Amino acid sequence: MKHVIRLAVIALVAYLGIASYLFFAQRGMQYRPDPSPMNPVSAGLAKATQSTLKTSDGETVVTWWIAPRDERQPVFLYLHGNGANLHARAARFARLTETGAGLMAVSWRGYGGSSGSPSEAGLRIDARATYDALVSERRIPPERIVLFGESLGTTVATILAAEVQSAALVLDSSFASALDVAQRAYPWLPVSWLLRDQYRADLAAPNVTVPVQQIHCEVDRITPIESANLLKTRFSRSEPIHIVDGACHVPNFSRYESFLRRFLNAKLSGASVN
């Protein structure tokens, strides 16, 4: 009997130890920022400019801006994923804007050139500050703005889309929430109690009124397609998820570029996407 009790105590201590570690280390696991200073020109974006925004809570975040060359084209507000920085997305930005579209991308707090440390509350503030700058400073009407989220940025984009006006919402490698992904990965832990930044895109999705297009890898070991499908059920105007063959996460843009352009061309009134 004593042996059984001893094993139970050891198991309980180990369980609590793992739970405690995940609680205190979670943001180091959830965010992987590259804080290196950036320059869009050195990244190959000769027509892009870099500037900074002051957020409502006093942080300074970096943005890259590519002005639209055709007023019929959309302007993308790009919200990136949890790793690296804007340099890693430069080729994608070039492709998104090569037909005359505009783009503004924010470098999350704690990422390349931006102050502060990442958190869900902070990223949501950064996204709203960027949207406000796009509308008020760059004079882009909301009906031309396409919110484009990538991986972790898909949750922030969905929450933002539920709060502001836009033309459409594009989600690359989306998921219902960080809570849902964590519960799938750690079904034996009380994740809902432990996870501070839960990114409940699923709760915001019913309030999104614009067309939604999700793009997802057939096999995604980081954001499972089952979670993307769960998110889809929450939208009222969601198109079928566009599946990219094979195993990947955040597929190469060239693998769905033509599809995305067709979607935008079909859904955006007042914009002509070639």
C-alpha atoms as a PDB file:
ATOM      1  CA  MET A   1       0.000   0.000   0.000  1.00  0.00           C
ATOM      2  CA  LYS A   2       2.806   2.382   0.923  1.00  0.00           C
ATOM      3  CA  HIS A   3       4.429   1.658  -2.453  1.00  0.00           C
ATOM      4  CA  VAL A   4       1.236   2.609  -4.265  1.00  0.00           C
ATOM      5  CA  ILE A   5       0.892   5.821  -2.263  1.00  0.00           C
ATOM      6  CA  ARG A   6       4.528   6.693  -2.964  1.00  0.00           C
ATOM      7  CA  LEU A   7       4.018   6.211  -6.703  1.00  0.00           C
ATOM      8  CA  ALA A   8       0.845   8.305  -6.605  1.00  0.00           C
ATOM      9  CA  VAL A   9       2.660  11.123  -4.818  1.00  0.00           C
ATOM     10  CA  ILE A  10       5.533  11.004  -7.316  1.00  0.00           C
ATOM     11  CA  ALA A  11       3.070  11.083 -10.219  1.00  0.00           C
ATOM     12  CA  LEU A  12       1.198  14.022  -8.673  1.00  0.00           C
ATOM     13  CA  VAL A  13       4.403  15.974  -8.060  1.00  0.00           C
ATOM     14  CA  ALA A  14       5.536  15.321 -11.643  1.00  0.00           C
ATOM     15  CA  TYR A  15       2.135  16.387 -12.994  1.00  0.00           C
ATOM     16  CA  LEU A  16       2.140  19.603 -10.978  1.00  0.00           C
ATOM     17  CA  GLY A  17       5.742  20.247 -12.003  1.00  0.00           C
ATOM     18  CA  ILE A  18       4.908  19.951 -15.703  1.00  0.00           C
ATOM     19  CA  ALA A  19       1.817  22.144 -15.289  1.00  0.00           C
ATOM     20  CA  SER A  20       3.826  24.775 -13.398  1.00  0.00           C
ATOM     21  CA  TYR A  21       6.562  24.776 -16.011  1.00  0.00           C
ATOM     22  CA  LEU A  22       4.069  25.235 -18.845  1.00  0.00           C
ATOM     23  CA  PHE A  23       2.320  28.039 -16.960  1.00  0.00           C
ATOM     24  CA  PHE A  24       5.470  30.054 -16.309  1.00  0.00           C
ATOM     25  CA  ALA A  25       7.223  29.240 -19.610  1.00  0.00           C
ATOM     26  CA  GLN A  26       4.184  29.554 -21.875  1.00  0.00           C
ATOM     27  CA  ARG A  27       4.977  32.921 -23.453  1.00  0.00           C
ATOM     28  CA  GLY A  28       8.459  31.755 -24.311  1.00  0.00           C
ATOM     29  CA  MET A  29       6.844  28.843 -26.117  1.00  0.00           C
ATOM     30  CA  GLN A  30       4.044  30.877 -27.694  1.00  0.00           C
ATOM     31  CA  TYR A  31       6.152  33.749 -29.075  1.00  0.00           C
ATOM     32  CA  ARG A  32       9.476  33.420 -30.880  1.00  0.00           C
ATOM     33  CA  PRO A  33      10.381  36.973 -31.857  1.00  0.00           C
ATOM     34  CA  ASP A  34      13.417  38.092 -33.808  1.00  0.00           C
ATOM     35  CA  PRO A  35      14.053  41.585 -32.365  1.00  0.00           C
ATOM     36  CA  SER A  36      16.735  42.480 -34.928  1.00  0.00           C
ATOM     37  CA  PRO A  37      16.390  45.961 -36.471  1.00  0.00           C
ATOM     38  CA  MET A  38      14.887  45.879 -39.959  1.00  0.00           C
ATOM     39  CA  ASN A  39      14.916  47.844 -43.173  1.00  0.00           C
ATOM     40  CA  PRO A  40      12.515  47.062 -46.031  1.00  0.00           C
ATOM     41  CA  VAL A  41      14.904  48.278 -48.715  1.00  0.00           C
ATOM     42  CA  SER A  42      17.640  45.906 -47.570  1.00  0.00           C
ATOM     43  CA  ALA A  43      14.997  43.169 -47.626  1.00  0.00           C
ATOM     44  CA  GLY A  44      14.412  43.849 -51.328  1.00  0.00           C
ATOM     45  CA  LEU A  45      11.329  46.062 -51.033  1.00  0.00           C
ATOM     46  CA  ALA A  46      12.597  49.179 -52.775  1.00  0.00           C
ATOM     47  CA  LYS A  47       9.154  50.820 -52.828  1.00  0.00           C
ATOM     48  CA  ALA A  48       8.418  50.224 -49.155  1.00  0.00           C
ATOM     49  CA  THR A  49       8.913  52.723 -46.359  1.00  0.00           C
ATOM     50  CA  GLN A  50       9.378  52.073 -42.671  1.00  0.00           C
ATOM     51  CA  SER A  51       7.790  54.149 -39.927  1.00  0.00           C
ATOM     52  CA  THR A  52       6.692  53.809 -36.302  1.00  0.00           C
ATOM     53  CA  LEU A  53       3.394  54.081 -34.481  1.00  0.00           C
ATOM     54  CA  LYS A  54       2.662  54.920 -30.872  1.00  0.00           C
ATOM     55  CA  THR A  55       0.160  52.520 -29.384  1.00  0.00           C
ATOM     56  CA  SER A  56      -2.530  53.408 -26.865  1.00  0.00           C
ATOM     57  CA  ASP A  57      -0.490  51.791 -24.083  1.00  0.00           C
ATOM     58  CA  GLY A  58       2.716  53.654 -24.882  1.00  0.00           C
ATOM     59  CA  GLU A  59       4.684  51.159 -26.990  1.00  0.00           C
ATOM     60  CA  THR A  60       6.365  52.017 -30.292  1.00  0.00           C
ATOM     61  CA  VAL A  61       5.808  49.547 -33.115  1.00  0.00           C
ATOM     62  CA  VAL A  62       7.393  49.437 -36.545  1.00  0.00           C
ATOM     63  CA  THR A  63       5.308  49.290 -39.716  1.00  0.00           C
ATOM     64  CA  TRP A  64       6.201  48.756 -43.347  1.00  0.00           C
ATOM     65  CA  TRP A  65       4.135  50.578 -45.929  1.00  0.00           C
ATOM     66  CA  ILE A  66       3.824  49.951 -49.650  1.00  0.00           C
ATOM     67  CA  ALA A  67       1.556  52.523 -51.251  1.00  0.00           C
ATOM     68  CA  PRO A  68      -1.025  51.221 -53.738  1.00  0.00           C
ATOM     69  CA  ARG A  69      -0.306  52.107 -57.360  1.00  0.00           C
ATOM     70  CA  ASP A  70      -3.858  51.460 -58.548  1.00  0.00           C
ATOM     71  CA  GLU A  71      -6.866  52.891 -56.691  1.00  0.00           C
ATOM     72  CA  ARG A  72      -8.963  49.934 -57.851  1.00  0.00           C
ATOM     73  CA  GLN A  73      -6.694  47.536 -55.981  1.00  0.00           C
ATOM     74  CA  PRO A  74      -7.106  46.487 -52.333  1.00  0.00           C
ATOM     75  CA  VAL A  75      -4.764  47.425 -49.520  1.00  0.00           C
ATOM     76  CA  PHE A  76      -3.644  44.563 -47.279  1.00  0.00           C
ATOM     77  CA  LEU A  77      -3.240  44.953 -43.549  1.00  0.00           C
ATOM     78  CA  TYR A  78      -0.815  42.128 -42.822  1.00  0.00           C
ATOM     79  CA  LEU A  79      -0.633  40.549 -39.354  1.00  0.00           C
ATOM     80  CA  HIS A  80       2.243  38.080 -39.167  1.00  0.00           C
ATOM     81  CA  GLY A  81       2.859  34.905 -37.210  1.00  0.00           C
ATOM     82  CA  ASN A  82       4.691  34.223 -33.956  1.00  0.00           C
ATOM     83  CA  GLY A  83       8.224  33.757 -35.327  1.00  0.00           C
ATOM     84  CA  ALA A  84      10.983  35.798 -37.001  1.00  0.00           C
ATOM     85  CA  ASN A  85      10.116  39.345 -38.164  1.00  0.00           C
ATOM     86  CA  LEU A  86       8.976  41.265 -41.255  1.00  0.00           C
ATOM     87  CA  HIS A  87      12.197  40.510 -43.151  1.00  0.00           C
ATOM     88  CA  ALA A  88      11.096  36.877 -43.382  1.00  0.00           C
ATOM     89  CA  ARG A  89       7.895  37.981 -45.167  1.00  0.00           C
ATOM     90  CA  ALA A  90       9.449  40.422 -47.649  1.00  0.00           C
ATOM     91  CA  ALA A  91       9.083  38.139 -50.683  1.00  0.00           C
ATOM     92  CA  ARG A  92       5.416  37.580 -49.823  1.00  0.00           C
ATOM     93  CA  PHE A  93       4.824  41.320 -49.502  1.00  0.00           C
ATOM     94  CA  ALA A  94       6.377  41.848 -52.921  1.00  0.00           C
ATOM     95  CA  ARG A  95       4.047  39.287 -54.499  1.00  0.00           C
ATOM     96  CA  LEU A  96       0.978  40.660 -52.749  1.00  0.00           C
ATOM     97  CA  THR A  97       1.635  44.136 -54.123  1.00  0.00           C
ATOM     98  CA  GLU A  98       3.109  43.432 -57.565  1.00  0.00           C
ATOM     99  CA  THR A  99      -0.180  44.134 -59.390  1.00  0.00           C
ATOM    100  CA  GLY A 100      -0.618  47.543 -57.758  1.00  0.00           C
ATOM    101  CA  ALA A 101      -2.154  46.655 -54.394  1.00  0.00           C
ATOM    102  CA  GLY A 102      -1.006  48.400 -51.227  1.00  0.00           C
ATOM    103  CA  LEU A 103       0.157  46.862 -47.969  1.00  0.00           C
ATOM    104  CA  MET A 104       0.826  47.835 -44.396  1.00  0.00           C
ATOM    105  CA  ALA A 105       2.480  45.267 -42.116  1.00  0.00           C
ATOM    106  CA  VAL A 106       3.070  45.698 -38.409  1.00  0.00           C
ATOM    107  CA  SER A 107       6.028  44.295 -36.530  1.00  0.00           C
ATOM    108  CA  TRP A 108       4.487  43.072 -33.285  1.00  0.00           C
ATOM    109  CA  ARG A 109       5.759  44.502 -30.001  1.00  0.00           C
ATOM    110  CA  GLY A 110       8.979  42.728 -29.071  1.00  0.00           C
ATOM    111  CA  TYR A 111       9.662  41.876 -32.720  1.00  0.00           C
ATOM    112  CA  GLY A 112      12.075  43.603 -35.129  1.00  0.00           C
ATOM    113  CA  GLY A 113      12.455  47.242 -34.090  1.00  0.00           C
ATOM    114  CA  SER A 114       9.338  47.393 -31.900  1.00  0.00           C
ATOM    115  CA  SER A 115       9.375  48.001 -28.164  1.00  0.00           C
ATOM    116  CA  GLY A 116       7.723  45.935 -25.460  1.00  0.00           C
ATOM    117  CA  SER A 117       7.006  42.237 -25.084  1.00  0.00           C
ATOM    118  CA  PRO A 118       4.358  40.222 -26.930  1.00  0.00           C
ATOM    119  CA  SER A 119       1.065  39.235 -25.339  1.00  0.00           C
ATOM    120  CA  GLU A 120      -2.457  38.793 -26.641  1.00  0.00           C
ATOM    121  CA  ALA A 121      -3.620  42.123 -25.249  1.00  0.00           C
ATOM    122  CA  GLY A 122      -0.554  43.823 -26.705  1.00  0.00           C
ATOM    123  CA  LEU A 123      -0.889  42.314 -30.187  1.00  0.00           C
ATOM    124  CA  ARG A 124      -4.536  43.320 -30.333  1.00  0.00           C
ATOM    125  CA  ILE A 125      -3.565  46.898 -29.465  1.00  0.00           C
ATOM    126  CA  ASP A 126      -0.821  46.844 -32.130  1.00  0.00           C
ATOM    127  CA  ALA A 127      -3.267  45.600 -34.770  1.00  0.00           C
ATOM    128  CA  ARG A 128      -5.824  48.275 -33.945  1.00  0.00           C
ATOM    129  CA  ALA A 129      -3.171  51.018 -34.007  1.00  0.00           C
ATOM    130  CA  THR A 130      -2.066  49.853 -37.455  1.00  0.00           C
ATOM    131  CA  TYR A 131      -5.618  49.761 -38.769  1.00  0.00           C
ATOM    132  CA  ASP A 132      -6.296  53.254 -37.423  1.00  0.00           C
ATOM    133  CA  ALA A 133      -3.113  54.558 -39.064  1.00  0.00           C
ATOM    134  CA  LEU A 134      -4.084  52.964 -42.355  1.00  0.00           C
ATOM    135  CA  VAL A 135      -7.456  54.701 -42.305  1.00  0.00           C
ATOM    136  CA  SER A 136      -6.586  58.060 -40.737  1.00  0.00           C
ATOM    137  CA  GLU A 137      -3.000  58.686 -41.851  1.00  0.00           C
ATOM    138  CA  ARG A 138      -2.847  56.829 -45.156  1.00  0.00           C
ATOM    139  CA  ARG A 139      -6.450  57.754 -46.031  1.00  0.00           C
ATOM    140  CA  ILE A 140      -7.389  54.233 -47.121  1.00  0.00           C
ATOM    141  CA  PRO A 141     -11.175  53.687 -47.009  1.00  0.00           C
ATOM    142  CA  PRO A 142     -12.214  50.594 -45.049  1.00  0.00           C
ATOM    143  CA  GLU A 143     -13.933  49.096 -48.112  1.00  0.00           C
ATOM    144  CA  ARG A 144     -10.493  48.677 -49.717  1.00  0.00           C
ATOM    145  CA  ILE A 145      -8.797  47.073 -46.709  1.00  0.00           C
ATOM    146  CA  VAL A 146      -8.223  43.320 -46.728  1.00  0.00           C
ATOM    147  CA  LEU A 147      -7.210  41.960 -43.335  1.00  0.00           C
ATOM    148  CA  PHE A 148      -4.584  39.260 -43.905  1.00  0.00           C
ATOM    149  CA  GLY A 149      -3.611  37.064 -40.975  1.00  0.00           C
ATOM    150  CA  GLU A 150      -0.806  34.512 -40.909  1.00  0.00           C
ATOM    151  CA  SER A 151      -0.742  31.716 -38.307  1.00  0.00           C
ATOM    152  CA  LEU A 152      -0.971  33.427 -34.892  1.00  0.00           C
ATOM    153  CA  GLY A 153      -1.907  36.591 -36.776  1.00  0.00           C
ATOM    154  CA  THR A 154      -5.078  34.889 -38.019  1.00  0.00           C
ATOM    155  CA  THR A 155      -6.585  35.042 -34.546  1.00  0.00           C
ATOM    156  CA  VAL A 156      -5.772  38.747 -34.168  1.00  0.00           C
ATOM    157  CA  ALA A 157      -7.073  39.426 -37.696  1.00  0.00           C
ATOM    158  CA  THR A 158     -10.339  37.643 -36.905  1.00  0.00           C
ATOM    159  CA  ILE A 159     -10.825  39.578 -33.674  1.00  0.00           C
ATOM    160  CA  LEU A 160     -10.021  42.837 -35.483  1.00  0.00           C
ATOM    161  CA  ALA A 161     -12.430  41.984 -38.317  1.00  0.00           C
ATOM    162  CA  ALA A 162     -15.196  41.651 -35.747  1.00  0.00           C
ATOM    163  CA  GLU A 163     -14.484  45.168 -34.467  1.00  0.00           C
ATOM    164  CA  VAL A 164     -13.772  47.297 -37.549  1.00  0.00           C
ATOM    165  CA  GLN A 165     -14.912  47.759 -41.125  1.00  0.00           C
ATOM    166  CA  SER A 166     -12.999  46.031 -43.907  1.00  0.00           C
ATOM    167  CA  ALA A 167     -13.526  44.444 -47.322  1.00  0.00           C
ATOM    168  CA  ALA A 168     -12.516  40.847 -46.618  1.00  0.00           C
ATOM    169  CA  LEU A 169     -10.605  38.586 -44.273  1.00  0.00           C
ATOM    170  CA  VAL A 170      -7.867  36.215 -45.486  1.00  0.00           C
ATOM    171  CA  LEU A 171      -6.502  33.631 -43.045  1.00  0.00           C
ATOM    172  CA  ASP A 172      -3.363  31.632 -43.810  1.00  0.00           C
ATOM    173  CA  SER A 173      -2.941  28.661 -41.430  1.00  0.00           C
ATOM    174  CA  SER A 174      -5.764  29.623 -39.090  1.00  0.00           C
ATOM    175  CA  PHE A 175      -7.067  27.940 -35.947  1.00  0.00           C
ATOM    176  CA  ALA A 176     -10.058  28.372 -33.670  1.00  0.00           C
ATOM    177  CA  SER A 177      -8.031  29.586 -30.705  1.00  0.00           C
ATOM    178  CA  ALA A 178      -4.743  29.050 -28.933  1.00  0.00           C
ATOM    179  CA  LEU A 179      -6.829  27.327 -26.292  1.00  0.00           C
ATOM    180  CA  ASP A 180      -8.131  24.804 -28.834  1.00  0.00           C
ATOM    181  CA  VAL A 181      -4.640  24.059 -30.183  1.00  0.00           C
ATOM    182  CA  ALA A 182      -3.233  23.673 -26.669  1.00  0.00           C
ATOM    183  CA  GLN A 183      -6.064  21.379 -25.602  1.00  0.00           C
ATOM    184  CA  ARG A 184      -5.410  19.162 -28.604  1.00  0.00           C
ATOM    185  CA  ALA A 185      -1.690  19.049 -27.765  1.00  0.00           C
ATOM    186  CA  TYR A 186      -2.091  18.588 -23.990  1.00  0.00           C
ATOM    187  CA  PRO A 187      -5.462  16.873 -23.402  1.00  0.00           C
ATOM    188  CA  TRP A 188      -4.287  15.684 -19.993  1.00  0.00           C
ATOM    189  CA  LEU A 189      -3.721  19.209 -18.619  1.00  0.00           C
ATOM    190  CA  PRO A 190      -6.265  21.833 -17.421  1.00  0.00           C
ATOM    191  CA  VAL A 191      -5.218  24.132 -20.255  1.00  0.00           C
ATOM    192  CA  SER A 192      -8.164  26.497 -19.842  1.00  0.00           C
ATOM    193  CA  TRP A 193      -6.844  27.351 -16.372  1.00  0.00           C
ATOM    194  CA  LEU A 194      -3.199  27.580 -17.360  1.00  0.00           C
ATOM    195  CA  LEU A 195      -3.231  29.466 -20.673  1.00  0.00           C
ATOM    196  CA  ARG A 196      -3.092  33.236 -20.313  1.00  0.00           C
ATOM    197  CA  ASP A 197      -3.166  34.235 -24.004  1.00  0.00           C
ATOM    198  CA  GLN A 198      -6.028  32.188 -25.407  1.00  0.00           C
ATOM    199  CA  TYR A 199      -6.706  34.107 -28.651  1.00  0.00           C
ATOM    200  CA  ARG A 200     -10.387  33.188 -28.913  1.00  0.00           C
ATOM    201  CA  ALA A 201     -10.924  33.788 -32.624  1.00  0.00           C
ATOM    202  CA  ASP A 202     -13.842  31.366 -32.402  1.00  0.00           C
ATOM    203  CA  LEU A 203     -15.715  33.771 -30.124  1.00  0.00           C
ATOM    204  CA  ALA A 204     -15.108  36.735 -32.443  1.00  0.00           C
ATOM    205  CA  ALA A 205     -15.890  34.925 -35.712  1.00  0.00           C
ATOM    206  CA  PRO A 206     -19.717  35.147 -35.474  1.00  0.00           C
ATOM    207  CA  ASN A 207     -19.382  38.956 -35.489  1.00  0.00           C
ATOM    208  CA  VAL A 208     -17.351  39.010 -38.730  1.00  0.00           C
ATOM    209  CA  THR A 209     -19.632  40.163 -41.550  1.00  0.00           C
ATOM    210  CA  VAL A 210     -17.200  40.312 -44.487  1.00  0.00           C
ATOM    211  CA  PRO A 211     -16.238  37.438 -46.833  1.00  0.00           C
ATOM    212  CA  VAL A 212     -13.686  35.076 -45.278  1.00  0.00           C
ATOM    213  CA  GLN A 213     -11.168  32.875 -47.067  1.00  0.00           C
ATOM    214  CA  GLN A 214      -9.065  30.378 -45.132  1.00  0.00           C
ATOM    215  CA  ILE A 215      -5.986  28.728 -46.656  1.00  0.00           C
ATOM    216  CA  HIS A 216      -4.490  25.692 -44.956  1.00  0.00           C
ATOM    217  CA  CYS A 217      -1.984  22.933 -45.534  1.00  0.00           C
ATOM    218  CA  GLU A 218      -3.457  19.473 -45.911  1.00  0.00           C
ATOM    219  CA  VAL A 219      -1.295  18.304 -43.003  1.00  0.00           C
ATOM    220  CA  ASP A 220      -0.311  21.000 -40.511  1.00  0.00           C
ATOM    221  CA  ARG A 221       1.341  19.799 -37.311  1.00  0.00           C
ATOM    222  CA  ILE A 222       1.389  23.283 -35.756  1.00  0.00           C
ATOM    223  CA  THR A 223      -2.163  24.487 -36.377  1.00  0.00           C
ATOM    224  CA  PRO A 224      -4.198  21.348 -37.148  1.00  0.00           C
ATOM    225  CA  ILE A 225      -6.688  21.611 -39.972  1.00  0.00           C
ATOM    226  CA  GLU A 226      -9.351  20.292 -37.584  1.00  0.00           C
ATOM    227  CA  SER A 227      -9.003  23.542 -35.635  1.00  0.00           C
ATOM    228  CA  ALA A 228      -9.291  25.582 -38.844  1.00  0.00           C
ATOM    229  CA  ASN A 229     -12.463  23.672 -39.700  1.00  0.00           C
ATOM    230  CA  LEU A 230     -13.851  24.430 -36.257  1.00  0.00           C
ATOM    231  CA  LEU A 231     -13.195  28.124 -36.824  1.00  0.00           C
ATOM    232  CA  LYS A 232     -14.902  27.952 -40.217  1.00  0.00           C
ATOM    233  CA  THR A 233     -18.143  26.828 -38.610  1.00  0.00           C
ATOM    234  CA  ARG A 234     -18.229  30.073 -36.611  1.00  0.00           C
ATOM    235  CA  PHE A 235     -18.187  32.398 -39.643  1.00  0.00           C
ATOM    236  CA  SER A 236     -21.373  33.394 -41.436  1.00  0.00           C
ATOM    237  CA  ARG A 237     -19.702  34.204 -44.780  1.00  0.00           C
ATOM    238  CA  SER A 238     -16.859  31.720 -44.994  1.00  0.00           C
ATOM    239  CA  GLU A 239     -15.815  30.134 -48.261  1.00  0.00           C
ATOM    240  CA  PRO A 240     -14.664  26.484 -48.343  1.00  0.00           C
ATOM    241  CA  ILE A 241     -11.151  26.188 -46.951  1.00  0.00           C
ATOM    242  CA  HIS A 242      -8.570  26.173 -49.745  1.00  0.00           C
ATOM    243  CA  ILE A 243      -6.334  23.164 -49.075  1.00  0.00           C
ATOM    244  CA  VAL A 244      -2.680  23.179 -50.086  1.00  0.00           C
ATOM    245  CA  ASP A 245      -1.444  19.645 -50.710  1.00  0.00           C
ATOM    246  CA  GLY A 246       1.138  18.034 -48.472  1.00  0.00           C
ATOM    247  CA  ALA A 247       2.557  18.698 -45.015  1.00  0.00           C
ATOM    248  CA  CYS A 248       3.482  22.282 -44.220  1.00  0.00           C
ATOM    249  CA  HIS A 249       2.669  25.320 -42.121  1.00  0.00           C
ATOM    250  CA  VAL A 250       2.145  28.728 -43.763  1.00  0.00           C
ATOM    251  CA  PRO A 251       2.504  27.443 -47.325  1.00  0.00           C
ATOM    252  CA  ASN A 252       4.607  29.259 -49.881  1.00  0.00           C
ATOM    253  CA  PHE A 253       2.495  32.102 -51.255  1.00  0.00           C
ATOM    254  CA  SER A 254       3.047  30.957 -54.835  1.00  0.00           C
ATOM    255  CA  ARG A 255       1.088  27.782 -54.028  1.00  0.00           C
ATOM    256  CA  TYR A 256      -2.163  29.676 -53.602  1.00  0.00           C
ATOM    257  CA  GLU A 257      -1.528  33.077 -55.166  1.00  0.00           C
ATOM    258  CA  SER A 258      -3.736  32.585 -58.227  1.00  0.00           C
ATOM    259  CA  PHE A 259      -6.561  31.186 -56.091  1.00  0.00           C
ATOM    260  CA  LEU A 260      -6.380  34.155 -53.711  1.00  0.00           C
ATOM    261  CA  ARG A 261      -6.501  36.640 -56.560  1.00  0.00           C
ATOM    262  CA  ARG A 262      -9.619  34.956 -57.947  1.00  0.00           C
ATOM    263  CA  PHE A 263     -11.260  35.095 -54.530  1.00  0.00           C
ATOM    264  CA  LEU A 264     -10.502  38.786 -54.125  1.00  0.00           C
ATOM    265  CA  ASN A 265     -11.602  39.574 -57.656  1.00  0.00           C
ATOM    266  CA  ALA A 266     -14.931  37.812 -57.026  1.00  0.00           C
ATOM    267  CA  LYS A 267     -15.589  39.270 -53.587  1.00  0.00           C
ATOM    268  CA  LEU A 268     -14.329  42.830 -53.658  1.00  0.00           C
ATOM    269  CA  SER A 269     -16.626  45.309 -55.289  1.00  0.00           C
ATOM    270  CA  GLY A 270     -14.755  48.395 -56.421  1.00  0.00           C
ATOM    271  CA  ALA A 271     -11.428  46.548 -56.642  1.00  0.00           C
ATOM    272  CA  SER A 272      -9.935  44.816 -59.641  1.00  0.00           C
ATOM    273  CA  VAL A 273      -7.454  42.123 -58.671  1.00  0.00           C
ATOM    274  CA  ASN A 274      -5.517  40.687 -61.592  1.00  0.00           C
END
